[in-house]
Amino acid sequence: MLAVIVVGTLRALKSIIIHVVRREALAADVRQIWLHYAGWIVLALEFALASDLIGTIIDPTWDDIGQLAAIGAIRTALAWFLSKDIEEFSQDPKPETREA
């Protein structure tokens, strides 16, 4: 999970650094950078949940199963809401051009 977040963070930082070095406007691409980074975070959440599932399968106790259920529900909710945000932002590429 940590490796996925590190890779996503490095890719986002690389995009930002490229914009700064080239002296390009960053504001226009912040949304795309955020969308890609959010995708990496969702992937990390999925790997974390899978890791917890495997750990519980190997040596289960009722306490572990209860904790896994709570953690799984929280991570699934986070991933779902983040995925909905990604979908919403992907469909509407320029929200600042909307008319009031």
PDB file of N, CA and C in Angstrom:
ATOM      1  N   MET A   1       0.816  -1.180   0.000  1.00  0.00           N
ATOM      2  CA  MET A   1       0.000   0.000   0.000  1.00  0.00           C
ATOM      3  C   MET A   1       0.865   1.252   0.000  1.00  0.00           C
ATOM      4  N   LEU A   2       1.882   1.263   0.827  1.00  0.00           N
ATOM      5  CA  LEU A   2       2.758   2.423   0.902  1.00  0.00           C
ATOM      6  C   LEU A   2       3.450   2.671  -0.433  1.00  0.00           C
ATOM      7  N   ALA A   3       3.857   1.605  -1.105  1.00  0.00           N
ATOM      8  CA  ALA A   3       4.524   1.755  -2.399  1.00  0.00           C
ATOM      9  C   ALA A   3       3.596   2.400  -3.423  1.00  0.00           C
ATOM     10  N   VAL A   4       2.323   2.041  -3.400  1.00  0.00           N
ATOM     11  CA  VAL A   4       1.358   2.619  -4.340  1.00  0.00           C
ATOM     12  C   VAL A   4       1.200   4.112  -4.073  1.00  0.00           C
ATOM     13  N   ILE A   5       1.101   4.489  -2.808  1.00  0.00           N
ATOM     14  CA  ILE A   5       0.961   5.903  -2.464  1.00  0.00           C
ATOM     15  C   ILE A   5       2.235   6.673  -2.829  1.00  0.00           C
ATOM     16  N   VAL A   6       3.389   6.068  -2.590  1.00  0.00           N
ATOM     17  CA  VAL A   6       4.659   6.723  -2.940  1.00  0.00           C
ATOM     18  C   VAL A   6       4.743   6.939  -4.444  1.00  0.00           C
ATOM     19  N   VAL A   7       4.397   5.929  -5.227  1.00  0.00           N
ATOM     20  CA  VAL A   7       4.440   6.069  -6.688  1.00  0.00           C
ATOM     21  C   VAL A   7       3.480   7.165  -7.143  1.00  0.00           C
ATOM     22  N   GLY A   8       2.267   7.174  -6.616  1.00  0.00           N
ATOM     23  CA  GLY A   8       1.298   8.196  -6.977  1.00  0.00           C
ATOM     24  C   GLY A   8       1.773   9.583  -6.600  1.00  0.00           C
ATOM     25  N   THR A   9       2.351   9.707  -5.419  1.00  0.00           N
ATOM     26  CA  THR A   9       2.867  11.000  -4.961  1.00  0.00           C
ATOM     27  C   THR A   9       4.019  11.463  -5.835  1.00  0.00           C
ATOM     28  N   LEU A  10       4.930  10.568  -6.153  1.00  0.00           N
ATOM     29  CA  LEU A  10       6.060  10.938  -7.007  1.00  0.00           C
ATOM     30  C   LEU A  10       5.606  11.374  -8.396  1.00  0.00           C
ATOM     31  N   ARG A  11       4.600  10.687  -8.931  1.00  0.00           N
ATOM     32  CA  ARG A  11       4.087  11.077 -10.254  1.00  0.00           C
ATOM     33  C   ARG A  11       3.429  12.452 -10.203  1.00  0.00           C
ATOM     34  N   ALA A  12       2.690  12.717  -9.129  1.00  0.00           N
ATOM     35  CA  ALA A  12       2.053  14.032  -8.985  1.00  0.00           C
ATOM     36  C   ALA A  12       3.119  15.116  -8.822  1.00  0.00           C
ATOM     37  N   LEU A  13       4.123  14.850  -7.994  1.00  0.00           N
ATOM     38  CA  LEU A  13       5.206  15.820  -7.815  1.00  0.00           C
ATOM     39  C   LEU A  13       5.968  16.050  -9.110  1.00  0.00           C
ATOM     40  N   LYS A  14       6.183  14.993  -9.872  1.00  0.00           N
ATOM     41  CA  LYS A  14       6.876  15.124 -11.160  1.00  0.00           C
ATOM     42  C   LYS A  14       6.099  16.064 -12.079  1.00  0.00           C
ATOM     43  N   SER A  15       4.790  15.896 -12.133  1.00  0.00           N
ATOM     44  CA  SER A  15       3.963  16.762 -12.977  1.00  0.00           C
ATOM     45  C   SER A  15       4.047  18.212 -12.525  1.00  0.00           C
ATOM     46  N   ILE A  16       4.015  18.420 -11.215  1.00  0.00           N
ATOM     47  CA  ILE A  16       4.105  19.786 -10.687  1.00  0.00           C
ATOM     48  C   ILE A  16       5.469  20.392 -10.975  1.00  0.00           C
ATOM     49  N   ILE A  17       6.529  19.613 -10.766  1.00  0.00           N
ATOM     50  CA  ILE A  17       7.887  20.119 -11.013  1.00  0.00           C
ATOM     51  C   ILE A  17       8.082  20.461 -12.484  1.00  0.00           C
ATOM     52  N   ILE A  18       7.555  19.629 -13.368  1.00  0.00           N
ATOM     53  CA  ILE A  18       7.666  19.914 -14.805  1.00  0.00           C
ATOM     54  C   ILE A  18       7.007  21.249 -15.127  1.00  0.00           C
ATOM     55  N   HIS A  19       5.844  21.502 -14.558  1.00  0.00           N
ATOM     56  CA  HIS A  19       5.162  22.779 -14.799  1.00  0.00           C
ATOM     57  C   HIS A  19       5.977  23.952 -14.264  1.00  0.00           C
ATOM     58  N   VAL A  20       6.577  23.774 -13.095  1.00  0.00           N
ATOM     59  CA  VAL A  20       7.358  24.861 -12.487  1.00  0.00           C
ATOM     60  C   VAL A  20       8.624  25.125 -13.300  1.00  0.00           C
ATOM     61  N   VAL A  21       9.331  24.068 -13.684  1.00  0.00           N
ATOM     62  CA  VAL A  21      10.566  24.230 -14.453  1.00  0.00           C
ATOM     63  C   VAL A  21      10.297  24.876 -15.807  1.00  0.00           C
ATOM     64  N   ARG A  22       9.238  24.471 -16.459  1.00  0.00           N
ATOM     65  CA  ARG A  22       8.890  25.043 -17.769  1.00  0.00           C
ATOM     66  C   ARG A  22       8.195  26.400 -17.648  1.00  0.00           C
ATOM     67  N   ARG A  23       7.938  26.799 -16.415  1.00  0.00           N
ATOM     68  CA  ARG A  23       7.246  28.061 -16.134  1.00  0.00           C
ATOM     69  C   ARG A  23       5.870  28.104 -16.806  1.00  0.00           C
ATOM     70  N   GLU A  24       5.202  26.956 -16.788  1.00  0.00           N
ATOM     71  CA  GLU A  24       3.854  26.858 -17.341  1.00  0.00           C
ATOM     72  C   GLU A  24       2.842  27.124 -16.227  1.00  0.00           C
ATOM     73  N   ALA A  25       1.659  27.534 -16.615  1.00  0.00           N
ATOM     74  CA  ALA A  25       0.594  27.755 -15.638  1.00  0.00           C
ATOM     75  C   ALA A  25       0.179  26.415 -15.040  1.00  0.00           C
ATOM     76  N   LEU A  26       0.252  26.322 -13.749  1.00  0.00           N
ATOM     77  CA  LEU A  26      -0.096  25.076 -13.059  1.00  0.00           C
ATOM     78  C   LEU A  26      -1.595  24.953 -12.843  1.00  0.00           C
ATOM     79  N   ALA A  27      -2.265  26.075 -12.701  1.00  0.00           N
ATOM     80  CA  ALA A  27      -3.693  26.066 -12.362  1.00  0.00           C
ATOM     81  C   ALA A  27      -4.523  25.280 -13.367  1.00  0.00           C
ATOM     82  N   ALA A  28      -4.159  25.336 -14.629  1.00  0.00           N
ATOM     83  CA  ALA A  28      -4.937  24.653 -15.660  1.00  0.00           C
ATOM     84  C   ALA A  28      -4.883  23.127 -15.509  1.00  0.00           C
ATOM     85  N   ASP A  29      -3.797  22.610 -14.971  1.00  0.00           N
ATOM     86  CA  ASP A  29      -3.620  21.155 -14.886  1.00  0.00           C
ATOM     87  C   ASP A  29      -3.739  20.585 -13.476  1.00  0.00           C
ATOM     88  N   VAL A  30      -4.018  21.417 -12.497  1.00  0.00           N
ATOM     89  CA  VAL A  30      -4.137  20.928 -11.123  1.00  0.00           C
ATOM     90  C   VAL A  30      -5.220  19.862 -11.025  1.00  0.00           C
ATOM     91  N   ARG A  31      -6.323  20.073 -11.704  1.00  0.00           N
ATOM     92  CA  ARG A  31      -7.439  19.119 -11.668  1.00  0.00           C
ATOM     93  C   ARG A  31      -7.003  17.748 -12.195  1.00  0.00           C
ATOM     94  N   GLN A  32      -6.296  17.714 -13.328  1.00  0.00           N
ATOM     95  CA  GLN A  32      -5.836  16.442 -13.888  1.00  0.00           C
ATOM     96  C   GLN A  32      -4.852  15.761 -12.961  1.00  0.00           C
ATOM     97  N   ILE A  33      -3.943  16.539 -12.386  1.00  0.00           N
ATOM     98  CA  ILE A  33      -2.964  15.972 -11.455  1.00  0.00           C
ATOM     99  C   ILE A  33      -3.689  15.373 -10.255  1.00  0.00           C
ATOM    100  N   TRP A  34      -4.678  16.096  -9.716  1.00  0.00           N
ATOM    101  CA  TRP A  34      -5.438  15.600  -8.572  1.00  0.00           C
ATOM    102  C   TRP A  34      -6.199  14.327  -8.927  1.00  0.00           C
ATOM    103  N   LEU A  35      -6.803  14.274 -10.101  1.00  0.00           N
ATOM    104  CA  LEU A  35      -7.555  13.091 -10.514  1.00  0.00           C
ATOM    105  C   LEU A  35      -6.657  11.857 -10.590  1.00  0.00           C
ATOM    106  N   HIS A  36      -5.472  12.025 -11.161  1.00  0.00           N
ATOM    107  CA  HIS A  36      -4.551  10.893 -11.241  1.00  0.00           C
ATOM    108  C   HIS A  36      -4.088  10.465  -9.845  1.00  0.00           C
ATOM    109  N   TYR A  37      -3.809  11.441  -8.996  1.00  0.00           N
ATOM    110  CA  TYR A  37      -3.377  11.126  -7.636  1.00  0.00           C
ATOM    111  C   TYR A  37      -4.493  10.426  -6.855  1.00  0.00           C
ATOM    112  N   ALA A  38      -5.711  10.881  -7.016  1.00  0.00           N
ATOM    113  CA  ALA A  38      -6.852  10.257  -6.336  1.00  0.00           C
ATOM    114  C   ALA A  38      -7.007   8.802  -6.777  1.00  0.00           C
ATOM    115  N   GLY A  39      -6.749   8.534  -8.045  1.00  0.00           N
ATOM    116  CA  GLY A  39      -6.801   7.155  -8.537  1.00  0.00           C
ATOM    117  C   GLY A  39      -5.783   6.264  -7.830  1.00  0.00           C
ATOM    118  N   TRP A  40      -4.588   6.788  -7.594  1.00  0.00           N
ATOM    119  CA  TRP A  40      -3.571   6.029  -6.873  1.00  0.00           C
ATOM    120  C   TRP A  40      -3.995   5.772  -5.432  1.00  0.00           C
ATOM    121  N   ILE A  41      -4.649   6.767  -4.818  1.00  0.00           N
ATOM    122  CA  ILE A  41      -5.110   6.598  -3.440  1.00  0.00           C
ATOM    123  C   ILE A  41      -6.189   5.511  -3.365  1.00  0.00           C
ATOM    124  N   VAL A  42      -7.106   5.506  -4.316  1.00  0.00           N
ATOM    125  CA  VAL A  42      -8.146   4.467  -4.345  1.00  0.00           C
ATOM    126  C   VAL A  42      -7.495   3.093  -4.496  1.00  0.00           C
ATOM    127  N   LEU A  43      -6.506   2.987  -5.357  1.00  0.00           N
ATOM    128  CA  LEU A  43      -5.801   1.717  -5.535  1.00  0.00           C
ATOM    129  C   LEU A  43      -5.123   1.278  -4.238  1.00  0.00           C
ATOM    130  N   ALA A  44      -4.517   2.219  -3.519  1.00  0.00           N
ATOM    131  CA  ALA A  44      -3.863   1.895  -2.245  1.00  0.00           C
ATOM    132  C   ALA A  44      -4.882   1.402  -1.224  1.00  0.00           C
ATOM    133  N   LEU A  45      -6.063   2.025  -1.192  1.00  0.00           N
ATOM    134  CA  LEU A  45      -7.110   1.578  -0.273  1.00  0.00           C
ATOM    135  C   LEU A  45      -7.540   0.144  -0.589  1.00  0.00           C
ATOM    136  N   GLU A  46      -7.638  -0.180  -1.865  1.00  0.00           N
ATOM    137  CA  GLU A  46      -8.023  -1.543  -2.263  1.00  0.00           C
ATOM    138  C   GLU A  46      -6.960  -2.554  -1.837  1.00  0.00           C
ATOM    139  N   PHE A  47      -5.685  -2.212  -2.028  1.00  0.00           N
ATOM    140  CA  PHE A  47      -4.610  -3.107  -1.603  1.00  0.00           C
ATOM    141  C   PHE A  47      -4.596  -3.279  -0.086  1.00  0.00           C
ATOM    142  N   ALA A  48      -4.853  -2.210   0.656  1.00  0.00           N
ATOM    143  CA  ALA A  48      -4.870  -2.290   2.116  1.00  0.00           C
ATOM    144  C   ALA A  48      -5.987  -3.210   2.595  1.00  0.00           C
ATOM    145  N   LEU A  49      -7.145  -3.089   1.979  1.00  0.00           N
ATOM    146  CA  LEU A  49      -8.263  -3.952   2.350  1.00  0.00           C
ATOM    147  C   LEU A  49      -7.943  -5.412   2.020  1.00  0.00           C
ATOM    148  N   ALA A  50      -7.354  -5.656   0.867  1.00  0.00           N
ATOM    149  CA  ALA A  50      -6.980  -7.024   0.492  1.00  0.00           C
ATOM    150  C   ALA A  50      -5.954  -7.593   1.470  1.00  0.00           C
ATOM    151  N   SER A  51      -5.012  -6.777   1.885  1.00  0.00           N
ATOM    152  CA  SER A  51      -4.004  -7.219   2.846  1.00  0.00           C
ATOM    153  C   SER A  51      -4.642  -7.603   4.175  1.00  0.00           C
ATOM    154  N   ASP A  52      -5.569  -6.782   4.642  1.00  0.00           N
ATOM    155  CA  ASP A  52      -6.259  -7.091   5.893  1.00  0.00           C
ATOM    156  C   ASP A  52      -7.087  -8.364   5.774  1.00  0.00           C
ATOM    157  N   LEU A  53      -7.727  -8.551   4.625  1.00  0.00           N
ATOM    158  CA  LEU A  53      -8.509  -9.776   4.401  1.00  0.00           C
ATOM    159  C   LEU A  53      -7.619 -11.009   4.470  1.00  0.00           C
ATOM    160  N   ILE A  54      -6.478 -10.953   3.816  1.00  0.00           N
ATOM    161  CA  ILE A  54      -5.560 -12.100   3.811  1.00  0.00           C
ATOM    162  C   ILE A  54      -5.051 -12.377   5.223  1.00  0.00           C
ATOM    163  N   GLY A  55      -4.709 -11.312   5.952  1.00  0.00           N
ATOM    164  CA  GLY A  55      -4.237 -11.493   7.330  1.00  0.00           C
ATOM    165  C   GLY A  55      -5.283 -12.125   8.218  1.00  0.00           C
ATOM    166  N   THR A  56      -6.529 -11.774   8.036  1.00  0.00           N
ATOM    167  CA  THR A  56      -7.606 -12.330   8.844  1.00  0.00           C
ATOM    168  C   THR A  56      -7.900 -13.774   8.461  1.00  0.00           C
ATOM    169  N   ILE A  57      -7.757 -14.100   7.201  1.00  0.00           N
ATOM    170  CA  ILE A  57      -7.998 -15.473   6.746  1.00  0.00           C
ATOM    171  C   ILE A  57      -6.958 -16.428   7.329  1.00  0.00           C
ATOM    172  N   ILE A  58      -5.735 -15.979   7.452  1.00  0.00           N
ATOM    173  CA  ILE A  58      -4.649 -16.838   7.934  1.00  0.00           C
ATOM    174  C   ILE A  58      -4.820 -17.186   9.412  1.00  0.00           C
ATOM    175  N   ASP A  59      -5.161 -16.220  10.244  1.00  0.00           N
ATOM    176  CA  ASP A  59      -5.264 -16.461  11.685  1.00  0.00           C
ATOM    177  C   ASP A  59      -6.456 -15.688  12.255  1.00  0.00           C
ATOM    178  N   PRO A  60      -7.690 -16.170  11.993  1.00  0.00           N
ATOM    179  CA  PRO A  60      -8.861 -15.385  12.406  1.00  0.00           C
ATOM    180  C   PRO A  60      -9.253 -15.575  13.872  1.00  0.00           C
ATOM    181  N   THR A  61      -9.636 -14.473  14.478  1.00  0.00           N
ATOM    182  CA  THR A  61     -10.309 -14.498  15.769  1.00  0.00           C
ATOM    183  C   THR A  61     -11.555 -13.630  15.596  1.00  0.00           C
ATOM    184  N   TRP A  62     -12.509 -13.756  16.512  1.00  0.00           N
ATOM    185  CA  TRP A  62     -13.726 -12.962  16.382  1.00  0.00           C
ATOM    186  C   TRP A  62     -13.411 -11.474  16.505  1.00  0.00           C
ATOM    187  N   ASP A  63     -12.450 -11.153  17.326  1.00  0.00           N
ATOM    188  CA  ASP A  63     -12.037  -9.750  17.464  1.00  0.00           C
ATOM    189  C   ASP A  63     -11.459  -9.233  16.149  1.00  0.00           C
ATOM    190  N   ASP A  64     -10.599 -10.047  15.507  1.00  0.00           N
ATOM    191  CA  ASP A  64     -10.018  -9.660  14.218  1.00  0.00           C
ATOM    192  C   ASP A  64     -11.090  -9.497  13.146  1.00  0.00           C
ATOM    193  N   ILE A  65     -12.065 -10.386  13.155  1.00  0.00           N
ATOM    194  CA  ILE A  65     -13.141 -10.327  12.159  1.00  0.00           C
ATOM    195  C   ILE A  65     -13.969  -9.057  12.354  1.00  0.00           C
ATOM    196  N   GLY A  66     -14.250  -8.711  13.599  1.00  0.00           N
ATOM    197  CA  GLY A  66     -14.996  -7.474  13.881  1.00  0.00           C
ATOM    198  C   GLY A  66     -14.220  -6.234  13.458  1.00  0.00           C
ATOM    199  N   GLN A  67     -12.926  -6.215  13.772  1.00  0.00           N
ATOM    200  CA  GLN A  67     -12.086  -5.090  13.363  1.00  0.00           C
ATOM    201  C   GLN A  67     -12.002  -5.003  11.852  1.00  0.00           C
ATOM    202  N   LEU A  68     -11.871  -6.148  11.194  1.00  0.00           N
ATOM    203  CA  LEU A  68     -11.801  -6.156   9.737  1.00  0.00           C
ATOM    204  C   LEU A  68     -13.090  -5.618   9.123  1.00  0.00           C
ATOM    205  N   ALA A  69     -14.217  -5.997   9.705  1.00  0.00           N
ATOM    206  CA  ALA A  69     -15.498  -5.507   9.193  1.00  0.00           C
ATOM    207  C   ALA A  69     -15.578  -3.989   9.305  1.00  0.00           C
ATOM    208  N   ALA A  70     -15.157  -3.445  10.438  1.00  0.00           N
ATOM    209  CA  ALA A  70     -15.191  -1.990  10.622  1.00  0.00           C
ATOM    210  C   ALA A  70     -14.208  -1.290   9.685  1.00  0.00           C
ATOM    211  N   ILE A  71     -13.001  -1.790   9.623  1.00  0.00           N
ATOM    212  CA  ILE A  71     -11.986  -1.191   8.748  1.00  0.00           C
ATOM    213  C   ILE A  71     -12.407  -1.327   7.290  1.00  0.00           C
ATOM    214  N   GLY A  72     -12.934  -2.487   6.931  1.00  0.00           N
ATOM    215  CA  GLY A  72     -13.386  -2.705   5.558  1.00  0.00           C
ATOM    216  C   GLY A  72     -14.502  -1.753   5.177  1.00  0.00           C
ATOM    217  N   ALA A  73     -15.437  -1.533   6.089  1.00  0.00           N
ATOM    218  CA  ALA A  73     -16.546  -0.612   5.807  1.00  0.00           C
ATOM    219  C   ALA A  73     -16.027   0.813   5.618  1.00  0.00           C
ATOM    220  N   ILE A  74     -15.113   1.223   6.476  1.00  0.00           N
ATOM    221  CA  ILE A  74     -14.558   2.580   6.366  1.00  0.00           C
ATOM    222  C   ILE A  74     -13.774   2.745   5.072  1.00  0.00           C
ATOM    223  N   ARG A  75     -12.897   1.794   4.771  1.00  0.00           N
ATOM    224  CA  ARG A  75     -12.083   1.898   3.545  1.00  0.00           C
ATOM    225  C   ARG A  75     -12.946   1.814   2.298  1.00  0.00           C
ATOM    226  N   THR A  76     -13.957   0.958   2.324  1.00  0.00           N
ATOM    227  CA  THR A  76     -14.847   0.848   1.171  1.00  0.00           C
ATOM    228  C   THR A  76     -15.613   2.151   0.964  1.00  0.00           C
ATOM    229  N   ALA A  77     -16.080   2.756   2.051  1.00  0.00           N
ATOM    230  CA  ALA A  77     -16.785   4.038   1.937  1.00  0.00           C
ATOM    231  C   ALA A  77     -15.857   5.124   1.409  1.00  0.00           C
ATOM    232  N   LEU A  78     -14.633   5.175   1.927  1.00  0.00           N
ATOM    233  CA  LEU A  78     -13.675   6.170   1.434  1.00  0.00           C
ATOM    234  C   LEU A  78     -13.400   5.982  -0.053  1.00  0.00           C
ATOM    235  N   ALA A  79     -13.160   4.754  -0.456  1.00  0.00           N
ATOM    236  CA  ALA A  79     -12.886   4.476  -1.863  1.00  0.00           C
ATOM    237  C   ALA A  79     -14.094   4.812  -2.730  1.00  0.00           C
ATOM    238  N   TRP A  80     -15.294   4.521  -2.249  1.00  0.00           N
ATOM    239  CA  TRP A  80     -16.499   4.800  -3.028  1.00  0.00           C
ATOM    240  C   TRP A  80     -16.685   6.299  -3.219  1.00  0.00           C
ATOM    241  N   PHE A  81     -16.567   7.063  -2.123  1.00  0.00           N
ATOM    242  CA  PHE A  81     -16.739   8.515  -2.234  1.00  0.00           C
ATOM    243  C   PHE A  81     -15.645   9.134  -3.092  1.00  0.00           C
ATOM    244  N   LEU A  82     -14.416   8.662  -2.956  1.00  0.00           N
ATOM    245  CA  LEU A  82     -13.328   9.191  -3.773  1.00  0.00           C
ATOM    246  C   LEU A  82     -13.546   8.840  -5.240  1.00  0.00           C
ATOM    247  N   SER A  83     -14.025   7.634  -5.517  1.00  0.00           N
ATOM    248  CA  SER A  83     -14.313   7.241  -6.902  1.00  0.00           C
ATOM    249  C   SER A  83     -15.432   8.088  -7.496  1.00  0.00           C
ATOM    250  N   LYS A  84     -16.450   8.395  -6.685  1.00  0.00           N
ATOM    251  CA  LYS A  84     -17.538   9.261  -7.157  1.00  0.00           C
ATOM    252  C   LYS A  84     -17.008  10.652  -7.476  1.00  0.00           C
ATOM    253  N   ASP A  85     -16.104  11.181  -6.640  1.00  0.00           N
ATOM    254  CA  ASP A  85     -15.501  12.486  -6.909  1.00  0.00           C
ATOM    255  C   ASP A  85     -14.695  12.454  -8.204  1.00  0.00           C
ATOM    256  N   ILE A  86     -13.931  11.388  -8.384  1.00  0.00           N
ATOM    257  CA  ILE A  86     -13.136  11.260  -9.612  1.00  0.00           C
ATOM    258  C   ILE A  86     -14.056  11.234 -10.824  1.00  0.00           C
ATOM    259  N   GLU A  87     -15.121  10.449 -10.745  1.00  0.00           N
ATOM    260  CA  GLU A  87     -16.070  10.359 -11.854  1.00  0.00           C
ATOM    261  C   GLU A  87     -16.716  11.714 -12.134  1.00  0.00           C
ATOM    262  N   GLU A  88     -17.115  12.404 -11.090  1.00  0.00           N
ATOM    263  CA  GLU A  88     -17.769  13.707 -11.249  1.00  0.00           C
ATOM    264  C   GLU A  88     -16.820  14.727 -11.873  1.00  0.00           C
ATOM    265  N   PHE A  89     -15.593  14.769 -11.389  1.00  0.00           N
ATOM    266  CA  PHE A  89     -14.631  15.722 -11.922  1.00  0.00           C
ATOM    267  C   PHE A  89     -14.195  15.366 -13.336  1.00  0.00           C
ATOM    268  N   SER A  90     -14.169  14.079 -13.649  1.00  0.00           N
ATOM    269  CA  SER A  90     -13.778  13.650 -14.991  1.00  0.00           C
ATOM    270  C   SER A  90     -14.827  14.020 -16.031  1.00  0.00           C
ATOM    271  N   GLN A  91     -16.096  14.017 -15.650  1.00  0.00           N
ATOM    272  CA  GLN A  91     -17.167  14.317 -16.597  1.00  0.00           C
ATOM    273  C   GLN A  91     -17.290  15.807 -16.861  1.00  0.00           C
ATOM    274  N   ASP A  92     -16.904  16.654 -15.934  1.00  0.00           N
ATOM    275  CA  ASP A  92     -17.037  18.096 -16.062  1.00  0.00           C
ATOM    276  C   ASP A  92     -15.642  18.722 -16.018  1.00  0.00           C
ATOM    277  N   PRO A  93     -14.933  18.778 -17.161  1.00  0.00           N
ATOM    278  CA  PRO A  93     -13.543  19.178 -17.148  1.00  0.00           C
ATOM    279  C   PRO A  93     -13.276  20.632 -16.754  1.00  0.00           C
ATOM    280  N   LYS A  94     -14.237  21.538 -16.922  1.00  0.00           N
ATOM    281  CA  LYS A  94     -13.977  22.938 -16.622  1.00  0.00           C
ATOM    282  C   LYS A  94     -15.120  23.539 -15.809  1.00  0.00           C
ATOM    283  N   PRO A  95     -15.135  23.315 -14.479  1.00  0.00           N
ATOM    284  CA  PRO A  95     -16.245  23.823 -13.683  1.00  0.00           C
ATOM    285  C   PRO A  95     -16.250  25.340 -13.574  1.00  0.00           C
ATOM    286  N   GLU A  96     -15.065  25.977 -13.735  1.00  0.00           N
ATOM    287  CA  GLU A  96     -15.016  27.423 -13.579  1.00  0.00           C
ATOM    288  C   GLU A  96     -15.687  28.169 -14.731  1.00  0.00           C
ATOM    289  N   THR A  97     -16.044  27.460 -15.813  1.00  0.00           N
ATOM    290  CA  THR A  97     -16.682  28.122 -16.947  1.00  0.00           C
ATOM    291  C   THR A  97     -18.201  28.027 -16.874  1.00  0.00           C
ATOM    292  N   ARG A  98     -18.723  27.383 -15.823  1.00  0.00           N
ATOM    293  CA  ARG A  98     -20.166  27.283 -15.674  1.00  0.00           C
ATOM    294  C   ARG A  98     -20.750  28.670 -15.430  1.00  0.00           C
ATOM    295  N   GLU A  99     -21.962  28.865 -15.931  1.00  0.00           N
ATOM    296  CA  GLU A  99     -22.626  30.142 -15.711  1.00  0.00           C
ATOM    297  C   GLU A  99     -23.436  30.091 -14.444  1.00  0.00           C
ATOM    298  N   ALA A 100     -23.485  31.222 -13.740  1.00  0.00           N
ATOM    299  CA  ALA A 100     -24.197  31.277 -12.448  1.00  0.00           C
ATOM    300  C   ALA A 100     -25.685  31.388 -12.650  1.00  0.00           C
TER     301      ALA A 100
END
